[in-house]
PDB file of N, CA and C in Angstrom:
ATOM      1  N   MET A   1      39.054  75.929 120.039  1.00  0.00           N
ATOM      2  CA  MET A   1      40.432  75.781 120.463  1.00  0.00           C
ATOM      3  C   MET A   1      41.350  76.278 119.356  1.00  0.00           C
ATOM      4  N   THR A   2      42.326  77.071 119.742  1.00  0.00           N
ATOM      5  CA  THR A   2      43.257  77.600 118.755  1.00  0.00           C
ATOM      6  C   THR A   2      44.430  76.645 118.584  1.00  0.00           C
ATOM      7  N   PRO A   3      45.077  76.708 117.431  1.00  0.00           N
ATOM      8  CA  PRO A   3      46.237  75.841 117.214  1.00  0.00           C
ATOM      9  C   PRO A   3      47.316  76.128 118.248  1.00  0.00           C
ATOM     10  N   GLY A   4      48.076  75.133 118.570  1.00  0.00           N
ATOM     11  CA  GLY A   4      49.139  75.289 119.549  1.00  0.00           C
ATOM     12  C   GLY A   4      50.493  74.978 118.963  1.00  0.00           C
ATOM     13  N   ASN A   5      51.496  75.074 119.795  1.00  0.00           N
ATOM     14  CA  ASN A   5      52.841  74.724 119.364  1.00  0.00           C
ATOM     15  C   ASN A   5      53.208  73.359 119.935  1.00  0.00           C
ATOM     16  N   GLN A   6      54.411  72.929 119.678  1.00  0.00           N
ATOM     17  CA  GLN A   6      54.829  71.596 120.105  1.00  0.00           C
ATOM     18  C   GLN A   6      54.932  71.467 121.620  1.00  0.00           C
ATOM     19  N   TYR A   7      54.848  72.573 122.339  1.00  0.00           N
ATOM     20  CA  TYR A   7      54.914  72.546 123.801  1.00  0.00           C
ATOM     21  C   TYR A   7      53.528  72.565 124.436  1.00  0.00           C
ATOM     22  N   GLY A   8      52.499  72.499 123.615  1.00  0.00           N
ATOM     23  CA  GLY A   8      51.137  72.491 124.126  1.00  0.00           C
ATOM     24  C   GLY A   8      50.583  73.867 124.453  1.00  0.00           C
ATOM     25  N   GLN A   9      51.306  74.902 124.105  1.00  0.00           N
ATOM     26  CA  GLN A   9      50.843  76.262 124.349  1.00  0.00           C
ATOM     27  C   GLN A   9      49.946  76.694 123.198  1.00  0.00           C
ATOM     28  N   GLU A  10      48.735  77.137 123.509  1.00  0.00           N
ATOM     29  CA  GLU A  10      47.824  77.597 122.466  1.00  0.00           C
ATOM     30  C   GLU A  10      48.242  78.966 121.956  1.00  0.00           C
ATOM     31  N   ARG A  11      47.923  79.221 120.676  1.00  0.00           N
ATOM     32  CA  ARG A  11      48.223  80.515 120.061  1.00  0.00           C
ATOM     33  C   ARG A  11      47.438  81.609 120.782  1.00  0.00           C
ATOM     34  N   PRO A  12      48.073  82.725 121.115  1.00  0.00           N
ATOM     35  CA  PRO A  12      47.354  83.843 121.738  1.00  0.00           C
ATOM     36  C   PRO A  12      46.257  84.353 120.802  1.00  0.00           C
ATOM     37  N   THR A  13      45.167  84.815 121.367  1.00  0.00           N
ATOM     38  CA  THR A  13      44.047  85.307 120.565  1.00  0.00           C
ATOM     39  C   THR A  13      43.646  86.714 120.997  1.00  0.00           C
ATOM     40  N   GLU A  14      42.924  87.359 120.118  1.00  0.00           N
ATOM     41  CA  GLU A  14      42.372  88.674 120.434  1.00  0.00           C
ATOM     42  C   GLU A  14      41.426  88.574 121.622  1.00  0.00           C
ATOM     43  N   ASP A  15      40.592  87.552 121.657  1.00  0.00           N
ATOM     44  CA  ASP A  15      39.648  87.390 122.771  1.00  0.00           C
ATOM     45  C   ASP A  15      40.366  87.285 124.104  1.00  0.00           C
ATOM     46  N   GLU A  16      41.451  86.525 124.124  1.00  0.00           N
ATOM     47  CA  GLU A  16      42.244  86.362 125.346  1.00  0.00           C
ATOM     48  C   GLU A  16      42.795  87.716 125.807  1.00  0.00           C
ATOM     49  N   ALA A  17      43.340  88.489 124.877  1.00  0.00           N
ATOM     50  CA  ALA A  17      43.900  89.796 125.210  1.00  0.00           C
ATOM     51  C   ALA A  17      42.804  90.754 125.672  1.00  0.00           C
ATOM     52  N   LEU A  18      41.655  90.710 125.022  1.00  0.00           N
ATOM     53  CA  LEU A  18      40.536  91.576 125.419  1.00  0.00           C
ATOM     54  C   LEU A  18      40.008  91.225 126.806  1.00  0.00           C
ATOM     55  N   ARG A  19      39.937  89.937 127.117  1.00  0.00           N
ATOM     56  CA  ARG A  19      39.492  89.529 128.459  1.00  0.00           C
ATOM     57  C   ARG A  19      40.451  90.062 129.518  1.00  0.00           C
ATOM     58  N   ALA A  20      41.752  89.944 129.257  1.00  0.00           N
ATOM     59  CA  ALA A  20      42.748  90.432 130.212  1.00  0.00           C
ATOM     60  C   ALA A  20      42.624  91.946 130.403  1.00  0.00           C
ATOM     61  N   LEU A  21      42.469  92.676 129.301  1.00  0.00           N
ATOM     62  CA  LEU A  21      42.299  94.119 129.396  1.00  0.00           C
ATOM     63  C   LEU A  21      41.002  94.459 130.117  1.00  0.00           C
ATOM     64  N   GLY A  22      39.939  93.709 129.813  1.00  0.00           N
ATOM     65  CA  GLY A  22      38.646  93.930 130.445  1.00  0.00           C
ATOM     66  C   GLY A  22      38.677  93.752 131.951  1.00  0.00           C
ATOM     67  N   GLU A  23      39.541  92.871 132.429  1.00  0.00           N
ATOM     68  CA  GLU A  23      39.677  92.684 133.874  1.00  0.00           C
ATOM     69  C   GLU A  23      40.263  93.919 134.546  1.00  0.00           C
ATOM     70  N   LEU A  24      41.008  94.699 133.792  1.00  0.00           N
ATOM     71  CA  LEU A  24      41.640  95.895 134.343  1.00  0.00           C
ATOM     72  C   LEU A  24      40.777  97.141 134.215  1.00  0.00           C
ATOM     73  N   VAL A  25      40.109  97.291 133.073  1.00  0.00           N
ATOM     74  CA  VAL A  25      39.386  98.543 132.809  1.00  0.00           C
ATOM     75  C   VAL A  25      37.887  98.343 132.595  1.00  0.00           C
ATOM     76  N   GLY A  26      37.428  97.112 132.622  1.00  0.00           N
ATOM     77  CA  GLY A  26      36.022  96.804 132.344  1.00  0.00           C
ATOM     78  C   GLY A  26      35.851  96.412 130.886  1.00  0.00           C
ATOM     79  N   PRO A  27      34.910  95.509 130.628  1.00  0.00           N
ATOM     80  CA  PRO A  27      34.767  94.978 129.269  1.00  0.00           C
ATOM     81  C   PRO A  27      34.359  96.006 128.214  1.00  0.00           C
ATOM     82  N   ARG A  28      33.477  96.926 128.564  1.00  0.00           N
ATOM     83  CA  ARG A  28      33.046  97.911 127.567  1.00  0.00           C
ATOM     84  C   ARG A  28      34.169  98.871 127.202  1.00  0.00           C
ATOM     85  N   VAL A  29      34.886  99.349 128.202  1.00  0.00           N
ATOM     86  CA  VAL A  29      36.003 100.251 127.951  1.00  0.00           C
ATOM     87  C   VAL A  29      37.095  99.517 127.165  1.00  0.00           C
ATOM     88  N   ALA A  30      37.367  98.266 127.550  1.00  0.00           N
ATOM     89  CA  ALA A  30      38.385  97.471 126.858  1.00  0.00           C
ATOM     90  C   ALA A  30      38.037  97.317 125.387  1.00  0.00           C
ATOM     91  N   GLU A  31      36.800  96.979 125.096  1.00  0.00           N
ATOM     92  CA  GLU A  31      36.367  96.795 123.708  1.00  0.00           C
ATOM     93  C   GLU A  31      36.540  98.086 122.914  1.00  0.00           C
ATOM     94  N   GLY A  32      36.145  99.202 123.508  1.00  0.00           N
ATOM     95  CA  GLY A  32      36.271 100.491 122.825  1.00  0.00           C
ATOM     96  C   GLY A  32      37.713 100.883 122.577  1.00  0.00           C
ATOM     97  N   MET A  33      38.557 100.709 123.586  1.00  0.00           N
ATOM     98  CA  MET A  33      39.967 101.061 123.440  1.00  0.00           C
ATOM     99  C   MET A  33      40.654 100.154 122.424  1.00  0.00           C
ATOM    100  N   TRP A  34      40.294  98.870 122.460  1.00  0.00           N
ATOM    101  CA  TRP A  34      40.886  97.903 121.524  1.00  0.00           C
ATOM    102  C   TRP A  34      40.491  98.263 120.092  1.00  0.00           C
ATOM    103  N   ASP A  35      39.219  98.585 119.900  1.00  0.00           N
ATOM    104  CA  ASP A  35      38.731  98.926 118.567  1.00  0.00           C
ATOM    105  C   ASP A  35      39.409 100.192 118.050  1.00  0.00           C
ATOM    106  N   LEU A  36      39.539 101.201 118.899  1.00  0.00           N
ATOM    107  CA  LEU A  36      40.220 102.432 118.487  1.00  0.00           C
ATOM    108  C   LEU A  36      41.684 102.174 118.141  1.00  0.00           C
ATOM    109  N   GLY A  37      42.337 101.350 118.946  1.00  0.00           N
ATOM    110  CA  GLY A  37      43.732 101.013 118.673  1.00  0.00           C
ATOM    111  C   GLY A  37      43.887 100.307 117.336  1.00  0.00           C
ATOM    112  N   ALA A  38      43.005  99.361 117.067  1.00  0.00           N
ATOM    113  CA  ALA A  38      43.063  98.629 115.799  1.00  0.00           C
ATOM    114  C   ALA A  38      42.875  99.590 114.622  1.00  0.00           C
ATOM    115  N   ARG A  39      41.952 100.514 114.761  1.00  0.00           N
ATOM    116  CA  ARG A  39      41.736 101.492 113.692  1.00  0.00           C
ATOM    117  C   ARG A  39      42.962 102.360 113.478  1.00  0.00           C
ATOM    118  N   GLU A  40      43.562 102.830 114.597  1.00  0.00           N
ATOM    119  CA  GLU A  40      44.756 103.672 114.486  1.00  0.00           C
ATOM    120  C   GLU A  40      45.890 102.942 113.774  1.00  0.00           C
ATOM    121  N   LEU A  41      45.991 101.643 114.005  1.00  0.00           N
ATOM    122  CA  LEU A  41      47.057 100.849 113.397  1.00  0.00           C
ATOM    123  C   LEU A  41      46.684 100.319 112.021  1.00  0.00           C
ATOM    124  N   GLY A  42      45.446 100.533 111.607  1.00  0.00           N
ATOM    125  CA  GLY A  42      44.995 100.038 110.310  1.00  0.00           C
ATOM    126  C   GLY A  42      44.815  98.526 110.272  1.00  0.00           C
ATOM    127  N   LEU A  43      44.502  97.935 111.428  1.00  0.00           N
ATOM    128  CA  LEU A  43      44.316  96.489 111.520  1.00  0.00           C
ATOM    129  C   LEU A  43      42.839  96.129 111.431  1.00  0.00           C
ATOM    130  N   ASN A  44      42.558  95.039 110.745  1.00  0.00           N
ATOM    131  CA  ASN A  44      41.190  94.537 110.662  1.00  0.00           C
ATOM    132  C   ASN A  44      40.932  93.575 111.807  1.00  0.00           C
ATOM    133  N   ARG A  45      39.773  93.749 112.431  1.00  0.00           N
ATOM    134  CA  ARG A  45      39.386  92.859 113.514  1.00  0.00           C
ATOM    135  C   ARG A  45      38.516  91.751 112.975  1.00  0.00           C
ATOM    136  N   PRO A  46      38.570  90.591 113.573  1.00  0.00           N
ATOM    137  CA  PRO A  46      39.413  90.221 114.709  1.00  0.00           C
ATOM    138  C   PRO A  46      40.862  90.042 114.274  1.00  0.00           C
ATOM    139  N   LEU A  47      41.773  90.347 115.192  1.00  0.00           N
ATOM    140  CA  LEU A  47      43.195  90.160 114.921  1.00  0.00           C
ATOM    141  C   LEU A  47      43.462  88.672 114.925  1.00  0.00           C
ATOM    142  N   GLU A  48      43.928  88.167 113.793  1.00  0.00           N
ATOM    143  CA  GLU A  48      44.053  86.719 113.622  1.00  0.00           C
ATOM    144  C   GLU A  48      45.468  86.195 113.794  1.00  0.00           C
ATOM    145  N   ASN A  49      46.476  87.042 113.585  1.00  0.00           N
ATOM    146  CA  ASN A  49      47.840  86.510 113.661  1.00  0.00           C
ATOM    147  C   ASN A  49      48.634  87.166 114.783  1.00  0.00           C
ATOM    148  N   THR A  50      49.692  86.496 115.180  1.00  0.00           N
ATOM    149  CA  THR A  50      50.466  86.973 116.326  1.00  0.00           C
ATOM    150  C   THR A  50      51.188  88.282 116.031  1.00  0.00           C
ATOM    151  N   ALA A  51      51.560  88.522 114.787  1.00  0.00           N
ATOM    152  CA  ALA A  51      52.231  89.786 114.458  1.00  0.00           C
ATOM    153  C   ALA A  51      51.304  90.971 114.726  1.00  0.00           C
ATOM    154  N   ASP A  52      50.028  90.829 114.372  1.00  0.00           N
ATOM    155  CA  ASP A  52      49.062  91.903 114.638  1.00  0.00           C
ATOM    156  C   ASP A  52      48.816  92.055 116.135  1.00  0.00           C
ATOM    157  N   LEU A  53      48.750  90.949 116.852  1.00  0.00           N
ATOM    158  CA  LEU A  53      48.579  91.028 118.314  1.00  0.00           C
ATOM    159  C   LEU A  53      49.782  91.727 118.954  1.00  0.00           C
ATOM    160  N   ARG A  54      50.975  91.448 118.453  1.00  0.00           N
ATOM    161  CA  ARG A  54      52.173  92.095 118.993  1.00  0.00           C
ATOM    162  C   ARG A  54      52.123  93.591 118.722  1.00  0.00           C
ATOM    163  N   ARG A  55      51.729  93.984 117.507  1.00  0.00           N
ATOM    164  CA  ARG A  55      51.605  95.414 117.184  1.00  0.00           C
ATOM    165  C   ARG A  55      50.603  96.107 118.093  1.00  0.00           C
ATOM    166  N   MET A  56      49.474  95.425 118.340  1.00  0.00           N
ATOM    167  CA  MET A  56      48.456  96.008 119.219  1.00  0.00           C
ATOM    168  C   MET A  56      48.988  96.113 120.649  1.00  0.00           C
ATOM    169  N   ALA A  57      49.700  95.093 121.100  1.00  0.00           N
ATOM    170  CA  ALA A  57      50.265  95.116 122.454  1.00  0.00           C
ATOM    171  C   ALA A  57      51.234  96.293 122.600  1.00  0.00           C
ATOM    172  N   GLU A  58      52.079  96.506 121.603  1.00  0.00           N
ATOM    173  CA  GLU A  58      53.029  97.615 121.650  1.00  0.00           C
ATOM    174  C   GLU A  58      52.301  98.954 121.640  1.00  0.00           C
ATOM    175  N   HIS A  59      51.221  99.031 120.896  1.00  0.00           N
ATOM    176  CA  HIS A  59      50.410 100.250 120.874  1.00  0.00           C
ATOM    177  C   HIS A  59      49.803 100.497 122.255  1.00  0.00           C
ATOM    178  N   MET A  60      49.261  99.449 122.856  1.00  0.00           N
ATOM    179  CA  MET A  60      48.659  99.573 124.185  1.00  0.00           C
ATOM    180  C   MET A  60      49.699 100.044 125.208  1.00  0.00           C
ATOM    181  N   MET A  61      50.921  99.545 125.094  1.00  0.00           N
ATOM    182  CA  MET A  61      51.980  99.928 126.027  1.00  0.00           C
ATOM    183  C   MET A  61      52.314 101.413 125.909  1.00  0.00           C
ATOM    184  N   ALA A  62      52.140 101.984 124.731  1.00  0.00           N
ATOM    185  CA  ALA A  62      52.433 103.399 124.522  1.00  0.00           C
ATOM    186  C   ALA A  62      51.327 104.300 125.069  1.00  0.00           C
ATOM    187  N   VAL A  63      50.118 103.757 125.208  1.00  0.00           N
ATOM    188  CA  VAL A  63      48.983 104.554 125.680  1.00  0.00           C
ATOM    189  C   VAL A  63      49.151 104.892 127.156  1.00  0.00           C
ATOM    190  N   GLY A  64      49.618 103.919 127.943  1.00  0.00           N
ATOM    191  CA  GLY A  64      49.929 104.205 129.339  1.00  0.00           C
ATOM    192  C   GLY A  64      49.008 103.553 130.346  1.00  0.00           C
ATOM    193  N   ASP A  65      49.396 103.678 131.609  1.00  0.00           N
ATOM    194  CA  ASP A  65      48.680 103.194 132.778  1.00  0.00           C
ATOM    195  C   ASP A  65      48.232 101.742 132.657  1.00  0.00           C
ATOM    196  N   MET A  66      46.946 101.483 132.823  1.00  0.00           N
ATOM    197  CA  MET A  66      46.443 100.116 132.819  1.00  0.00           C
ATOM    198  C   MET A  66      46.597  99.465 131.447  1.00  0.00           C
ATOM    199  N   MET A  67      46.531 100.255 130.402  1.00  0.00           N
ATOM    200  CA  MET A  67      46.748  99.715 129.057  1.00  0.00           C
ATOM    201  C   MET A  67      48.173  99.180 128.940  1.00  0.00           C
ATOM    202  N   ARG A  68      49.108  99.849 129.592  1.00  0.00           N
ATOM    203  CA  ARG A  68      50.501  99.406 129.544  1.00  0.00           C
ATOM    204  C   ARG A  68      50.651  98.028 130.184  1.00  0.00           C
ATOM    205  N   VAL A  69      49.965  97.814 131.295  1.00  0.00           N
ATOM    206  CA  VAL A  69      50.023  96.523 131.991  1.00  0.00           C
ATOM    207  C   VAL A  69      49.486  95.416 131.091  1.00  0.00           C
ATOM    208  N   ALA A  70      48.311  95.629 130.523  1.00  0.00           N
ATOM    209  CA  ALA A  70      47.703  94.621 129.643  1.00  0.00           C
ATOM    210  C   ALA A  70      48.530  94.428 128.377  1.00  0.00           C
ATOM    211  N   GLY A  71      49.054  95.508 127.835  1.00  0.00           N
ATOM    212  CA  GLY A  71      49.873  95.421 126.629  1.00  0.00           C
ATOM    213  C   GLY A  71      51.145  94.624 126.855  1.00  0.00           C
ATOM    214  N   ARG A  72      51.797  94.871 127.966  1.00  0.00           N
ATOM    215  CA  ARG A  72      53.036  94.152 128.268  1.00  0.00           C
ATOM    216  C   ARG A  72      52.752  92.664 128.453  1.00  0.00           C
ATOM    217  N   SER A  73      51.671  92.350 129.130  1.00  0.00           N
ATOM    218  CA  SER A  73      51.294  90.950 129.341  1.00  0.00           C
ATOM    219  C   SER A  73      51.018  90.253 128.009  1.00  0.00           C
ATOM    220  N   THR A  74      50.278  90.917 127.148  1.00  0.00           N
ATOM    221  CA  THR A  74      49.969  90.347 125.835  1.00  0.00           C
ATOM    222  C   THR A  74      51.241  90.177 125.010  1.00  0.00           C
ATOM    223  N   LYS A  75      52.111  91.172 125.037  1.00  0.00           N
ATOM    224  CA  LYS A  75      53.344  91.086 124.252  1.00  0.00           C
ATOM    225  C   LYS A  75      54.218  89.929 124.736  1.00  0.00           C
ATOM    226  N   VAL A  76      54.349  89.766 126.042  1.00  0.00           N
ATOM    227  CA  VAL A  76      55.137  88.657 126.579  1.00  0.00           C
ATOM    228  C   VAL A  76      54.539  87.330 126.134  1.00  0.00           C
ATOM    229  N   ARG A  77      53.225  87.218 126.191  1.00  0.00           N
ATOM    230  CA  ARG A  77      52.540  85.982 125.780  1.00  0.00           C
ATOM    231  C   ARG A  77      52.804  85.682 124.308  1.00  0.00           C
ATOM    232  N   VAL A  78      52.706  86.692 123.457  1.00  0.00           N
ATOM    233  CA  VAL A  78      52.929  86.515 122.018  1.00  0.00           C
ATOM    234  C   VAL A  78      54.383  86.139 121.734  1.00  0.00           C
ATOM    235  N   ILE A  79      55.311  86.864 122.322  1.00  0.00           N
ATOM    236  CA  ILE A  79      56.730  86.591 122.076  1.00  0.00           C
ATOM    237  C   ILE A  79      57.093  85.183 122.548  1.00  0.00           C
ATOM    238  N   THR A  80      56.581  84.782 123.686  1.00  0.00           N
ATOM    239  CA  THR A  80      56.850  83.438 124.194  1.00  0.00           C
ATOM    240  C   THR A  80      56.300  82.386 123.252  1.00  0.00           C
ATOM    241  N   TYR A  81      55.077  82.583 122.802  1.00  0.00           N
ATOM    242  CA  TYR A  81      54.468  81.626 121.869  1.00  0.00           C
ATOM    243  C   TYR A  81      55.294  81.529 120.588  1.00  0.00           C
ATOM    244  N   GLU A  82      55.649  82.685 120.027  1.00  0.00           N
ATOM    245  CA  GLU A  82      56.426  82.687 118.779  1.00  0.00           C
ATOM    246  C   GLU A  82      57.781  82.007 118.963  1.00  0.00           C
ATOM    247  N   ALA A  83      58.454  82.278 120.065  1.00  0.00           N
ATOM    248  CA  ALA A  83      59.772  81.690 120.303  1.00  0.00           C
ATOM    249  C   ALA A  83      59.678  80.176 120.450  1.00  0.00           C
ATOM    250  N   LEU A  84      58.675  79.707 121.162  1.00  0.00           N
ATOM    251  CA  LEU A  84      58.528  78.270 121.363  1.00  0.00           C
ATOM    252  C   LEU A  84      58.013  77.548 120.109  1.00  0.00           C
ATOM    253  N   SER A  85      57.408  78.314 119.205  1.00  0.00           N
ATOM    254  CA  SER A  85      56.846  77.713 117.998  1.00  0.00           C
ATOM    255  C   SER A  85      57.854  77.597 116.852  1.00  0.00           C
ATOM    256  N   ARG A  86      58.972  78.291 116.979  1.00  0.00           N
ATOM    257  CA  ARG A  86      59.979  78.223 115.915  1.00  0.00           C
ATOM    258  C   ARG A  86      60.614  76.847 115.881  1.00  0.00           C
ATOM    259  N   SER A  87      60.907  76.400 114.708  1.00  0.00           N
ATOM    260  CA  SER A  87      61.624  75.132 114.557  1.00  0.00           C
ATOM    261  C   SER A  87      63.079  75.357 114.912  1.00  0.00           C
ATOM    262  N   VAL A  88      63.585  74.485 115.734  1.00  0.00           N
ATOM    263  CA  VAL A  88      64.988  74.567 116.123  1.00  0.00           C
ATOM    264  C   VAL A  88      65.703  73.371 115.527  1.00  0.00           C
ATOM    265  N   SER A  89      66.716  73.645 114.716  1.00  0.00           N
ATOM    266  CA  SER A  89      67.474  72.536 114.142  1.00  0.00           C
ATOM    267  C   SER A  89      68.681  72.247 115.020  1.00  0.00           C
ATOM    268  N   SER A  90      68.954  70.979 115.210  1.00  0.00           N
ATOM    269  CA  SER A  90      70.083  70.590 116.067  1.00  0.00           C
ATOM    270  C   SER A  90      71.293  70.305 115.236  1.00  0.00           C
TER     271      SER A  90
END
């Protein structure tokens, strides 16, 4: 289980993003595309922090077609998690 925020939302993970991409393009293709993307961005796998997941999501969105769908979904998930995890002072 990954750490969550105060709203009970778990931190997005690389595995979660890969599963979503795999549902669109198949697990083997997803793994290969994800690995190539990480190399192009100079990221070490597994992607452990949300900033790296966001960078990968933006990269996927630039590739196009089904990658764009998975990338946008991952980016929305990451941005939502980050926004809800910030401390808000009243």
